[in-house]
Structures are given as C-alpha cells and as structure tokens.
Amino acid sequence: MSLGLLLAVGLAAIHAFASTVTLPRWLPIFRWISFAGGVSIGYVFLEILPELSHAQHEVGELELPLVAYLENHVYILALLGLTVFYGLDILALHSRKQNQVNQAVDQTEDRIFWIHLSGFAILNIILGYLMQDLKSHGSLLSCILFFVAIALHFFILDYHLREHHKKPYDQIGRWLLTGSIILGAILGQALHLNEAAVAIIWSFLAGSIILNVLKHELPSERESCFSSFLGGTGLYAVLILGVQST
C-alpha cells in the first residue's frame, strides 16, 4: 500500500470513528478545539499559502485565453472555494434555525443535509486524490505533519457537522465522508493529472480549508483557551520549519 493511500485510510477512519473518541476529563473540549485551531492556523500560514504561490506558478504557465486575463488565477479559485463553502455553511445554519422555530428540532432539513454533506464529500474526494502526490513533495516527516494537521482539522469539522445534522450525520453523513476519501485515493492511484490541473483543484480545496479553519476552529473568546491555541500554533510552526530547514 502506498503512503498516500495509507494516510487517506487514516483520515477516513477519523470520520468513521471520531464520535467514539472520549476526551480525558483533564482536557476540556474548549482546550482541545483551541489547540487544534492553533495547529490548523499554523498549517494555513506555513503550508497552504506557500503552496498557493507554487500553484500560481503552475497555472500561470497554462496557455489558455481565459487564464491570460486573470492575473491571480489560483487565488481566485481559492476565493471561489471559500465563498462556496461559506454559502453552504450559512444555508445549513439558516435551515437549522428554521427547524428550531417551526418544528422544535435542532438540526437541518433533510434536503439541506444532503446539499451540505455533498459539498464536503466532493472536497474529500479531492483530498483523497491529492494524497497520491504527497510523498513527492516532501520528506516522510513532512507528510506526517500534513496528516496530523488535516486529522485535527477533521476532528473539529466532524464535531461541527454533527452539531448541524445530529442523527443523520452519525447514521449516513460520516460514512459518506469516509467513503469519499477512499474513492478519491483510489482515483489517485488510477488517474494522474498534470501539475497545472492538480494546482487548480488544490487551490479550490485550499480556499475551503481556510474558511473552515477560520470559521470553525477559532472558538469565540468565551469558549477558547489562548494558551492552548498558542501551544498548537507554536508547536506546529517549530516542527514544520524544522523539517523545511533540513
């Protein structure tokens, strides 16, 4: 089994079994979320933004008429990814509030559940596919750090999706997201896109990750722990900068 496929299976397992993980009493949920948010912010600034710069170079070499008129191609794609998933989040939140008022049920409508989860399933397919190129872009340790950052991101994302959708997420949603990563990893073994195409889909994925990190993984001041956040950010920064300097 290739490293990319192995890590994809590991990420899929998080969606499948995150709800069964019980935090120890000495680690309150707000500290856990703050630490994970710190790691994710470190990942955004030290990995995603530099990778977008690299992707810009790849897409800039495409000889397409439309691309010639767009100076910051990948940043526009990242903005599109952020905007689409912000819209999906607002849609889910609005549906949940409407159900609270009209039916005294604290979850989204079935239709919104499928729309919301389908968006994240597409993201997971993209992420699973991109795992095939992981080892070629860095050392084994950098791959592990990438996995840890995405794994923590998945734990928090899973928590918030369960808040929105409740029982349907546990019964159907988490398995849809689990299967979509595996599907993407399988596609990654069978299909190989060129560097520019990979840069395009990565840019869209990056925009959605940036949104989810900023919206879900930076708790409000009443529910956050700055020392845990700082610890997560500092630890990830030290590790990734150490890897990059070797």
Protein backbone atom coordinates (compact mmCIF):
# COMPACT_ATOMS: atom_id res chain seq x y z
CA MET A 1 0.00 0.00 0.00
CA SER A 2 1.39 3.41 -0.98
CA LEU A 3 1.95 6.11 1.64
CA GLY A 4 -0.76 8.32 0.13
CA LEU A 5 -3.35 5.55 0.23
CA LEU A 6 -2.34 4.64 3.79
CA LEU A 7 -2.76 8.23 5.00
CA ALA A 8 -6.08 8.52 3.16
CA VAL A 9 -7.34 5.44 5.01
CA GLY A 10 -6.18 7.03 8.28
CA LEU A 11 -8.14 10.23 7.53
CA ALA A 12 -11.19 8.21 6.53
CA ALA A 13 -11.04 6.40 9.88
CA ILE A 14 -11.29 9.75 11.67
CA HIS A 15 -14.64 10.50 10.04
CA ALA A 16 -15.80 6.97 10.76
CA PHE A 17 -14.84 6.82 14.44
CA ALA A 18 -14.41 10.42 15.71
CA SER A 19 -17.75 10.22 17.52
CA THR A 20 -16.48 7.29 19.60
CA VAL A 21 -13.44 9.19 20.91
CA THR A 22 -13.81 10.31 24.52
CA LEU A 23 -11.58 13.10 25.76
CA PRO A 24 -9.99 12.65 29.20
CA ARG A 25 -11.50 14.73 32.00
CA TRP A 26 -8.39 16.87 32.31
CA LEU A 27 -8.76 18.03 28.68
CA PRO A 28 -11.95 20.11 28.26
CA ILE A 29 -13.39 20.36 24.77
CA PHE A 30 -12.61 24.11 24.52
CA ARG A 31 -8.90 23.44 25.16
CA TRP A 32 -8.86 20.67 22.56
CA ILE A 33 -10.56 22.86 19.94
CA SER A 34 -8.20 25.77 20.71
CA PHE A 35 -5.11 23.55 20.36
CA ALA A 36 -6.40 22.03 17.10
CA GLY A 37 -7.25 25.52 15.85
CA GLY A 38 -3.70 26.65 16.59
CA VAL A 39 -2.26 23.75 14.60
CA SER A 40 -4.63 24.46 11.72
CA ILE A 41 -3.74 28.17 11.63
CA GLY A 42 -0.07 27.20 11.53
CA TYR A 43 -0.87 24.86 8.65
CA VAL A 44 -2.70 27.62 6.75
CA PHE A 45 0.14 30.14 7.00
CA LEU A 46 3.11 27.79 6.68
CA GLU A 47 1.76 25.25 4.18
CA ILE A 48 -1.38 26.35 2.33
CA LEU A 49 -0.36 29.92 1.48
CA PRO A 50 3.14 28.95 0.22
CA GLU A 51 1.58 26.08 -1.75
CA LEU A 52 -0.84 28.50 -3.37
CA SER A 53 2.14 30.55 -4.52
CA HIS A 54 3.62 27.42 -6.10
CA ALA A 55 0.27 26.58 -7.67
CA GLN A 56 0.09 30.10 -9.12
CA HIS A 57 3.32 29.42 -11.00
CA GLU A 58 1.97 26.15 -12.40
CA VAL A 59 -1.35 27.61 -13.54
CA GLY A 60 0.38 30.72 -14.90
CA GLU A 61 2.14 28.54 -17.46
CA LEU A 62 -1.15 27.35 -18.98
CA GLU A 63 -1.73 28.78 -22.44
CA LEU A 64 -5.48 29.32 -22.15
CA PRO A 65 -7.26 32.52 -23.28
CA LEU A 66 -9.26 32.94 -20.07
CA VAL A 67 -6.23 32.39 -17.85
CA ALA A 68 -4.35 35.12 -19.69
CA TYR A 69 -6.87 37.68 -18.42
CA LEU A 70 -6.74 36.54 -14.81
CA GLU A 71 -3.61 37.70 -13.05
CA ASN A 72 -4.11 35.82 -9.77
CA HIS A 73 -5.65 32.61 -11.05
CA VAL A 74 -5.25 30.28 -8.07
CA TYR A 75 -6.19 32.97 -5.57
CA ILE A 76 -9.45 33.46 -7.45
CA LEU A 77 -10.04 29.70 -7.29
CA ALA A 78 -9.24 29.71 -3.57
CA LEU A 79 -11.65 32.60 -3.09
CA LEU A 80 -14.28 30.62 -5.01
CA GLY A 81 -13.76 27.61 -2.73
CA LEU A 82 -14.04 29.79 0.37
CA THR A 83 -17.19 31.51 -0.95
CA VAL A 84 -18.95 28.28 -1.94
CA PHE A 85 -18.42 26.65 1.44
CA TYR A 86 -19.30 29.81 3.33
CA GLY A 87 -22.59 29.77 1.43
CA LEU A 88 -23.16 26.11 2.30
CA ASP A 89 -22.47 26.83 5.97
CA ILE A 90 -24.94 29.74 6.00
CA LEU A 91 -27.50 27.52 4.28
CA ALA A 92 -27.10 24.82 6.96
CA LEU A 93 -27.23 27.33 9.81
CA HIS A 94 -30.36 29.00 8.42
CA SER A 95 -32.08 25.63 7.95
CA ARG A 96 -31.20 24.59 11.50
CA LYS A 97 -32.63 27.82 12.94
CA GLN A 98 -35.80 27.46 10.89
CA ASN A 99 -36.29 23.92 12.17
CA GLN A 100 -35.77 25.11 15.74
CA VAL A 101 -38.56 27.67 15.32
CA ASN A 102 -41.02 25.68 13.21
CA GLN A 103 -40.55 22.11 14.46
CA ALA A 104 -38.58 22.47 17.73
CA VAL A 105 -35.88 20.25 16.17
CA ASP A 106 -32.23 21.34 16.45
CA GLN A 107 -30.95 20.03 13.11
CA THR A 108 -31.08 20.85 9.41
CA GLU A 109 -33.74 19.75 6.94
CA ASP A 110 -33.06 16.54 5.01
CA ARG A 111 -32.61 18.46 1.74
CA ILE A 112 -30.02 20.79 3.28
CA PHE A 113 -28.27 17.85 4.92
CA TRP A 114 -27.66 16.26 1.51
CA ILE A 115 -26.55 19.52 -0.09
CA HIS A 116 -24.16 20.33 2.77
CA LEU A 117 -22.66 16.84 3.01
CA SER A 118 -22.34 16.51 -0.77
CA GLY A 119 -20.09 19.57 -0.78
CA PHE A 120 -17.79 18.08 1.84
CA ALA A 121 -17.84 14.71 0.08
CA ILE A 122 -16.51 16.40 -3.08
CA LEU A 123 -13.77 18.03 -1.01
CA ASN A 124 -12.83 14.67 0.47
CA ILE A 125 -12.63 13.11 -2.98
CA ILE A 126 -10.24 15.90 -4.00
CA LEU A 127 -8.19 15.47 -0.82
CA GLY A 128 -8.04 11.70 -1.25
CA TYR A 129 -6.88 12.15 -4.83
CA LEU A 130 -4.19 14.64 -3.86
CA MET A 131 -2.73 12.15 -1.39
CA GLN A 132 -1.05 10.36 -4.31
CA ASP A 133 1.37 13.27 -4.76
CA LEU A 134 2.11 13.77 -1.08
CA LYS A 135 5.40 11.89 -0.85
CA SER A 136 6.81 13.53 -3.98
CA HIS A 137 6.50 16.98 -2.37
CA GLY A 138 8.44 16.35 0.82
CA SER A 139 10.02 14.01 3.32
CA LEU A 140 8.22 11.35 5.33
CA LEU A 141 8.18 13.65 8.38
CA SER A 142 6.58 16.48 6.40
CA CYS A 143 3.92 14.02 5.19
CA ILE A 144 3.22 13.01 8.79
CA LEU A 145 2.93 16.66 9.85
CA PHE A 146 0.50 17.26 6.99
CA PHE A 147 -1.52 14.24 8.12
CA VAL A 148 -1.62 15.46 11.73
CA ALA A 149 -2.81 18.94 10.70
CA ILE A 150 -5.57 17.55 8.46
CA ALA A 151 -6.52 14.92 11.08
CA LEU A 152 -7.04 17.61 13.74
CA HIS A 153 -8.97 19.66 11.17
CA PHE A 154 -11.20 16.62 10.53
CA PHE A 155 -11.89 16.10 14.24
CA ILE A 156 -13.15 19.67 14.61
CA LEU A 157 -15.04 19.61 11.31
CA ASP A 158 -16.69 16.34 12.34
CA TYR A 159 -17.74 17.95 15.63
CA HIS A 160 -19.42 20.88 13.87
CA LEU A 161 -21.11 18.77 11.19
CA ARG A 162 -22.59 16.61 13.95
CA GLU A 163 -23.85 19.80 15.66
CA HIS A 164 -25.67 20.83 12.48
CA HIS A 165 -27.10 17.47 11.41
CA LYS A 166 -27.25 15.33 14.57
CA LYS A 167 -28.51 11.75 13.97
CA PRO A 168 -28.45 11.83 10.14
CA TYR A 169 -24.75 12.68 10.28
CA ASP A 170 -23.98 9.73 12.55
CA GLN A 171 -26.10 7.33 10.51
CA ILE A 172 -25.22 8.45 6.98
CA GLY A 173 -23.06 11.56 6.80
CA ARG A 174 -19.87 10.29 8.41
CA TRP A 175 -19.91 7.18 6.21
CA LEU A 176 -20.43 9.30 3.10
CA LEU A 177 -17.34 11.36 4.02
CA THR A 178 -15.39 8.21 4.91
CA GLY A 179 -16.16 6.60 1.56
CA SER A 180 -15.44 9.76 -0.41
CA ILE A 181 -11.83 9.93 0.85
CA ILE A 182 -11.27 6.29 -0.08
CA LEU A 183 -12.84 6.89 -3.50
CA GLY A 184 -10.52 9.86 -4.06
CA ALA A 185 -7.49 7.81 -3.04
CA ILE A 186 -8.46 5.02 -5.45
CA LEU A 187 -8.90 7.57 -8.26
CA GLY A 188 -5.49 8.93 -7.36
CA GLN A 189 -3.96 5.50 -7.95
CA ALA A 190 -5.73 5.09 -11.30
CA LEU A 191 -5.69 8.60 -12.78
CA HIS A 192 -2.80 11.04 -13.00
CA LEU A 193 -3.43 14.69 -13.83
CA ASN A 194 -0.71 17.10 -14.86
CA GLU A 195 0.78 19.60 -12.41
CA ALA A 196 -1.38 22.51 -13.58
CA ALA A 197 -4.62 20.53 -13.19
CA VAL A 198 -3.57 19.42 -9.70
CA ALA A 199 -2.78 23.04 -8.84
CA ILE A 200 -6.27 24.09 -9.91
CA ILE A 201 -8.12 21.55 -7.78
CA TRP A 202 -5.72 22.12 -4.86
CA SER A 203 -6.46 25.86 -4.97
CA PHE A 204 -10.21 25.29 -4.65
CA LEU A 205 -9.60 22.85 -1.78
CA ALA A 206 -7.28 25.34 -0.06
CA GLY A 207 -9.96 28.04 -0.08
CA SER A 208 -12.45 25.73 1.62
CA ILE A 209 -9.89 24.66 4.23
CA ILE A 210 -9.03 28.28 5.04
CA LEU A 211 -12.73 29.05 5.56
CA ASN A 212 -13.33 26.03 7.80
CA VAL A 213 -10.25 26.79 9.88
CA LEU A 214 -11.21 30.44 10.41
CA LYS A 215 -14.91 29.78 10.95
CA HIS A 216 -14.92 26.57 13.00
CA GLU A 217 -11.50 26.18 14.56
CA LEU A 218 -11.07 29.59 16.16
CA PRO A 219 -13.57 29.46 19.04
CA SER A 220 -15.19 32.60 20.41
CA GLU A 221 -13.35 34.24 23.30
CA ARG A 222 -15.73 32.72 25.86
CA GLU A 223 -15.08 29.19 24.60
CA SER A 224 -11.38 29.45 23.80
CA CYS A 225 -8.08 28.98 25.58
CA PHE A 226 -5.36 31.24 24.20
CA SER A 227 -2.54 29.26 25.80
CA SER A 228 -3.76 26.06 24.10
CA PHE A 229 -4.13 27.90 20.80
CA LEU A 230 -0.64 29.37 21.15
CA GLY A 231 0.76 25.95 22.04
CA GLY A 232 -0.76 24.37 18.93
CA THR A 233 0.44 27.16 16.65
CA GLY A 234 3.94 27.27 18.15
CA LEU A 235 4.44 23.51 18.17
CA TYR A 236 3.35 23.10 14.56
CA ALA A 237 5.43 26.09 13.42
CA VAL A 238 8.58 24.76 15.12
CA LEU A 239 8.11 21.29 13.65
CA ILE A 240 7.33 22.38 10.09
CA LEU A 241 10.11 24.98 10.00
CA GLY A 242 12.49 22.38 11.37
CA VAL A 243 11.53 19.97 8.58
CA GLN A 244 11.84 22.68 5.91
CA SER A 245 15.33 23.63 7.11
CA THR A 246 16.70 20.05 6.80
